[in-house]
Amino acid sequence: MAVSVPIDYFTTEPLPLEAARAWLMLVTNHPAFSVERRQKAGQRMATESDARQVCRWATLALLESERWEDAIVLREEAQGGPPAFPVYPY
């Protein structure tokens, strides 16, 4: 469930505050984040008025979710055995 947004989206020009909050909420809905962390992010976001800071948080959250996915893939590859899905020759 990767969020397919380039990190440059958050770092080149600051988004409006509401858009930055919406993206951060979308990114934290990733399975890498527990319900408690999502709630904490929501609380901190509600009090933050700097769009740049919210964009920084979104960037960090996106990087963390990517690292989580990479770790899951490596763990699955290390298990061995047949692949869960067949390889289709396209």
N, C-alpha and C. Protein backbone atom coordinates (compact mmCIF):
# COMPACT_ATOMS: atom_id res chain seq x y z
N MET A 1 0.83 -1.18 0.00
CA MET A 1 0.00 0.00 0.00
C MET A 1 0.87 1.25 0.00
N ALA A 2 1.77 1.31 -0.87
CA ALA A 2 2.66 2.46 -0.94
C ALA A 2 1.90 3.68 -1.44
N VAL A 3 2.26 4.79 -0.90
CA VAL A 3 1.70 6.06 -1.38
C VAL A 3 2.61 6.51 -2.50
N SER A 4 2.09 6.57 -3.70
CA SER A 4 2.95 6.89 -4.84
C SER A 4 2.99 8.39 -5.07
N VAL A 5 3.81 9.03 -4.27
CA VAL A 5 4.01 10.47 -4.36
C VAL A 5 5.50 10.71 -4.25
N PRO A 6 6.08 11.44 -5.18
CA PRO A 6 7.51 11.70 -5.05
C PRO A 6 7.79 12.63 -3.87
N ILE A 7 8.90 12.41 -3.21
CA ILE A 7 9.25 13.23 -2.05
C ILE A 7 9.40 14.69 -2.46
N ASP A 8 9.80 14.93 -3.70
CA ASP A 8 9.93 16.32 -4.17
C ASP A 8 8.63 17.10 -4.04
N TYR A 9 7.52 16.38 -4.06
CA TYR A 9 6.21 17.03 -3.93
C TYR A 9 6.14 17.81 -2.62
N PHE A 10 6.79 17.30 -1.57
CA PHE A 10 6.76 17.94 -0.26
C PHE A 10 7.91 18.91 -0.04
N THR A 11 8.97 18.76 -0.81
CA THR A 11 10.18 19.51 -0.48
C THR A 11 10.47 20.69 -1.40
N THR A 12 9.92 20.72 -2.60
CA THR A 12 10.28 21.80 -3.52
C THR A 12 9.59 23.10 -3.15
N GLU A 13 8.31 23.08 -3.03
CA GLU A 13 7.55 24.27 -2.66
C GLU A 13 6.56 23.87 -1.59
N PRO A 14 6.42 24.65 -0.55
CA PRO A 14 5.49 24.23 0.51
C PRO A 14 4.05 24.21 0.00
N LEU A 15 3.35 23.18 0.40
CA LEU A 15 1.93 23.07 0.07
C LEU A 15 1.14 23.98 0.99
N PRO A 16 -0.08 24.32 0.62
CA PRO A 16 -0.96 25.00 1.58
C PRO A 16 -1.16 24.08 2.80
N LEU A 17 -1.40 24.67 3.94
CA LEU A 17 -1.46 23.91 5.19
C LEU A 17 -2.47 22.77 5.11
N GLU A 18 -3.65 23.01 4.61
CA GLU A 18 -4.67 21.96 4.57
C GLU A 18 -4.25 20.82 3.64
N ALA A 19 -3.62 21.14 2.53
CA ALA A 19 -3.14 20.10 1.61
C ALA A 19 -2.02 19.29 2.26
N ALA A 20 -1.13 19.97 2.96
CA ALA A 20 -0.03 19.27 3.65
C ALA A 20 -0.59 18.33 4.71
N ARG A 21 -1.59 18.79 5.45
CA ARG A 21 -2.21 17.94 6.47
C ARG A 21 -2.87 16.73 5.83
N ALA A 22 -3.56 16.93 4.72
CA ALA A 22 -4.24 15.83 4.04
C ALA A 22 -3.23 14.78 3.57
N TRP A 23 -2.10 15.24 3.01
CA TRP A 23 -1.07 14.30 2.56
C TRP A 23 -0.45 13.55 3.72
N LEU A 24 -0.21 14.26 4.82
CA LEU A 24 0.38 13.59 5.98
C LEU A 24 -0.57 12.51 6.51
N MET A 25 -1.85 12.80 6.55
CA MET A 25 -2.82 11.80 7.01
C MET A 25 -2.84 10.61 6.06
N LEU A 26 -2.74 10.87 4.77
CA LEU A 26 -2.72 9.78 3.79
C LEU A 26 -1.48 8.91 3.99
N VAL A 27 -0.34 9.53 4.18
CA VAL A 27 0.90 8.78 4.35
C VAL A 27 0.86 7.97 5.64
N THR A 28 0.33 8.53 6.71
CA THR A 28 0.31 7.81 7.99
C THR A 28 -0.74 6.71 8.04
N ASN A 29 -1.58 6.61 7.03
CA ASN A 29 -2.51 5.48 6.95
C ASN A 29 -1.84 4.21 6.47
N HIS A 30 -0.56 4.29 6.21
CA HIS A 30 0.23 3.14 5.78
C HIS A 30 0.35 2.16 6.95
N PRO A 31 0.41 0.84 6.67
CA PRO A 31 0.52 -0.13 7.75
C PRO A 31 1.80 -0.01 8.60
N ALA A 32 2.76 0.76 8.16
CA ALA A 32 3.97 0.95 8.95
C ALA A 32 3.69 1.74 10.22
N PHE A 33 2.56 2.41 10.27
CA PHE A 33 2.24 3.27 11.41
C PHE A 33 1.09 2.69 12.22
N SER A 34 1.30 2.63 13.52
CA SER A 34 0.26 2.10 14.40
C SER A 34 -0.86 3.13 14.56
N VAL A 35 -1.97 2.66 15.09
CA VAL A 35 -3.11 3.54 15.33
C VAL A 35 -2.71 4.66 16.29
N GLU A 36 -1.91 4.32 17.29
CA GLU A 36 -1.48 5.33 18.27
C GLU A 36 -0.65 6.42 17.59
N ARG A 37 0.25 6.01 16.69
CA ARG A 37 1.08 7.00 15.99
C ARG A 37 0.23 7.88 15.08
N ARG A 38 -0.78 7.30 14.44
CA ARG A 38 -1.69 8.10 13.60
C ARG A 38 -2.43 9.13 14.44
N GLN A 39 -2.88 8.70 15.61
CA GLN A 39 -3.59 9.62 16.49
C GLN A 39 -2.67 10.73 16.97
N LYS A 40 -1.47 10.37 17.34
CA LYS A 40 -0.49 11.38 17.79
C LYS A 40 -0.18 12.36 16.66
N ALA A 41 -0.02 11.84 15.45
CA ALA A 41 0.23 12.72 14.30
C ALA A 41 -0.94 13.66 14.08
N GLY A 42 -2.15 13.15 14.21
CA GLY A 42 -3.34 13.99 14.05
C GLY A 42 -3.40 15.10 15.09
N GLN A 43 -3.03 14.77 16.32
CA GLN A 43 -3.03 15.78 17.39
C GLN A 43 -1.98 16.85 17.14
N ARG A 44 -0.79 16.43 16.75
CA ARG A 44 0.28 17.41 16.50
C ARG A 44 -0.05 18.26 15.29
N MET A 45 -0.64 17.63 14.28
CA MET A 45 -1.00 18.36 13.06
C MET A 45 -2.04 19.43 13.33
N ALA A 46 -2.97 19.10 14.20
CA ALA A 46 -4.05 20.04 14.50
C ALA A 46 -3.53 21.32 15.14
N THR A 47 -2.42 21.23 15.85
CA THR A 47 -1.88 22.41 16.53
C THR A 47 -0.79 23.12 15.73
N GLU A 48 -0.31 22.47 14.67
CA GLU A 48 0.77 23.06 13.87
C GLU A 48 0.19 23.98 12.80
N SER A 49 0.75 25.18 12.71
CA SER A 49 0.25 26.14 11.72
C SER A 49 1.27 26.42 10.62
N ASP A 50 2.41 25.76 10.67
CA ASP A 50 3.44 25.95 9.66
C ASP A 50 3.36 24.83 8.63
N ALA A 51 2.99 25.18 7.42
CA ALA A 51 2.85 24.17 6.36
C ALA A 51 4.18 23.50 6.05
N ARG A 52 5.28 24.24 6.16
CA ARG A 52 6.59 23.64 5.89
C ARG A 52 6.89 22.52 6.89
N GLN A 53 6.53 22.72 8.14
CA GLN A 53 6.77 21.69 9.16
C GLN A 53 5.93 20.45 8.86
N VAL A 54 4.69 20.63 8.49
CA VAL A 54 3.83 19.50 8.17
C VAL A 54 4.38 18.76 6.95
N CYS A 55 4.89 19.49 5.97
CA CYS A 55 5.51 18.86 4.80
C CYS A 55 6.76 18.07 5.21
N ARG A 56 7.54 18.60 6.16
CA ARG A 56 8.71 17.86 6.64
C ARG A 56 8.28 16.55 7.30
N TRP A 57 7.21 16.62 8.10
CA TRP A 57 6.70 15.41 8.74
C TRP A 57 6.22 14.41 7.69
N ALA A 58 5.55 14.90 6.66
CA ALA A 58 5.07 14.02 5.60
C ALA A 58 6.24 13.36 4.88
N THR A 59 7.30 14.12 4.64
CA THR A 59 8.49 13.56 4.00
C THR A 59 9.10 12.46 4.86
N LEU A 60 9.24 12.72 6.15
CA LEU A 60 9.81 11.72 7.05
C LEU A 60 8.93 10.48 7.13
N ALA A 61 7.61 10.69 7.17
CA ALA A 61 6.69 9.56 7.22
C ALA A 61 6.76 8.73 5.94
N LEU A 62 6.88 9.40 4.81
CA LEU A 62 6.97 8.70 3.54
C LEU A 62 8.26 7.87 3.48
N LEU A 63 9.36 8.45 3.94
CA LEU A 63 10.62 7.71 3.98
C LEU A 63 10.53 6.50 4.90
N GLU A 64 9.88 6.68 6.04
CA GLU A 64 9.74 5.57 6.99
C GLU A 64 8.87 4.45 6.40
N SER A 65 7.81 4.83 5.71
CA SER A 65 6.96 3.79 5.11
C SER A 65 7.70 3.04 4.02
N GLU A 66 8.55 3.73 3.27
CA GLU A 66 9.35 3.06 2.24
C GLU A 66 10.35 2.09 2.87
N ARG A 67 10.99 2.51 3.96
CA ARG A 67 11.93 1.61 4.66
C ARG A 67 11.21 0.37 5.19
N TRP A 68 9.99 0.58 5.71
CA TRP A 68 9.19 -0.52 6.24
C TRP A 68 8.88 -1.52 5.12
N GLU A 69 8.47 -1.01 3.97
CA GLU A 69 8.16 -1.89 2.84
C GLU A 69 9.40 -2.64 2.37
N ASP A 70 10.53 -1.96 2.30
CA ASP A 70 11.77 -2.63 1.91
C ASP A 70 12.12 -3.76 2.87
N ALA A 71 11.94 -3.52 4.16
CA ALA A 71 12.23 -4.55 5.17
C ALA A 71 11.29 -5.74 5.02
N ILE A 72 10.02 -5.48 4.73
CA ILE A 72 9.06 -6.56 4.54
C ILE A 72 9.44 -7.40 3.32
N VAL A 73 9.80 -6.74 2.24
CA VAL A 73 10.18 -7.47 1.02
C VAL A 73 11.42 -8.32 1.29
N LEU A 74 12.41 -7.77 1.97
CA LEU A 74 13.62 -8.54 2.28
C LEU A 74 13.31 -9.74 3.16
N ARG A 75 12.42 -9.55 4.12
CA ARG A 75 12.05 -10.66 5.00
C ARG A 75 11.33 -11.75 4.21
N GLU A 76 10.44 -11.35 3.31
CA GLU A 76 9.73 -12.34 2.50
C GLU A 76 10.67 -13.07 1.55
N GLU A 77 11.63 -12.36 0.97
CA GLU A 77 12.59 -13.00 0.08
C GLU A 77 13.47 -13.99 0.84
N ALA A 78 13.79 -13.69 2.08
CA ALA A 78 14.66 -14.55 2.87
C ALA A 78 13.95 -15.85 3.28
N GLN A 79 12.64 -15.88 3.23
CA GLN A 79 11.91 -17.07 3.64
C GLN A 79 12.09 -18.22 2.65
N GLY A 80 12.38 -17.93 1.42
CA GLY A 80 12.56 -18.97 0.43
C GLY A 80 11.24 -19.60 0.02
N GLY A 81 11.35 -20.66 -0.76
CA GLY A 81 10.15 -21.33 -1.23
C GLY A 81 9.63 -20.68 -2.50
N PRO A 82 8.53 -21.21 -2.99
CA PRO A 82 7.98 -20.65 -4.25
C PRO A 82 7.42 -19.26 -4.00
N PRO A 83 7.38 -18.44 -5.05
CA PRO A 83 6.84 -17.09 -4.88
C PRO A 83 5.34 -17.15 -4.61
N ALA A 84 4.85 -16.17 -3.90
CA ALA A 84 3.43 -16.10 -3.58
C ALA A 84 2.60 -15.91 -4.83
N PHE A 85 3.15 -15.23 -5.81
CA PHE A 85 2.45 -14.99 -7.06
C PHE A 85 3.33 -15.45 -8.21
N PRO A 86 2.74 -16.04 -9.23
CA PRO A 86 3.58 -16.48 -10.36
C PRO A 86 4.17 -15.29 -11.10
N VAL A 87 5.29 -15.54 -11.71
CA VAL A 87 5.94 -14.52 -12.52
C VAL A 87 5.34 -14.62 -13.92
N TYR A 88 4.72 -13.55 -14.36
CA TYR A 88 4.08 -13.55 -15.66
C TYR A 88 5.03 -12.96 -16.71
N PRO A 89 5.26 -13.69 -17.81
CA PRO A 89 6.13 -13.14 -18.85
C PRO A 89 5.35 -12.16 -19.74
N TYR A 90 5.52 -10.91 -19.52
CA TYR A 90 4.78 -9.91 -20.31
C TYR A 90 5.53 -9.56 -21.55
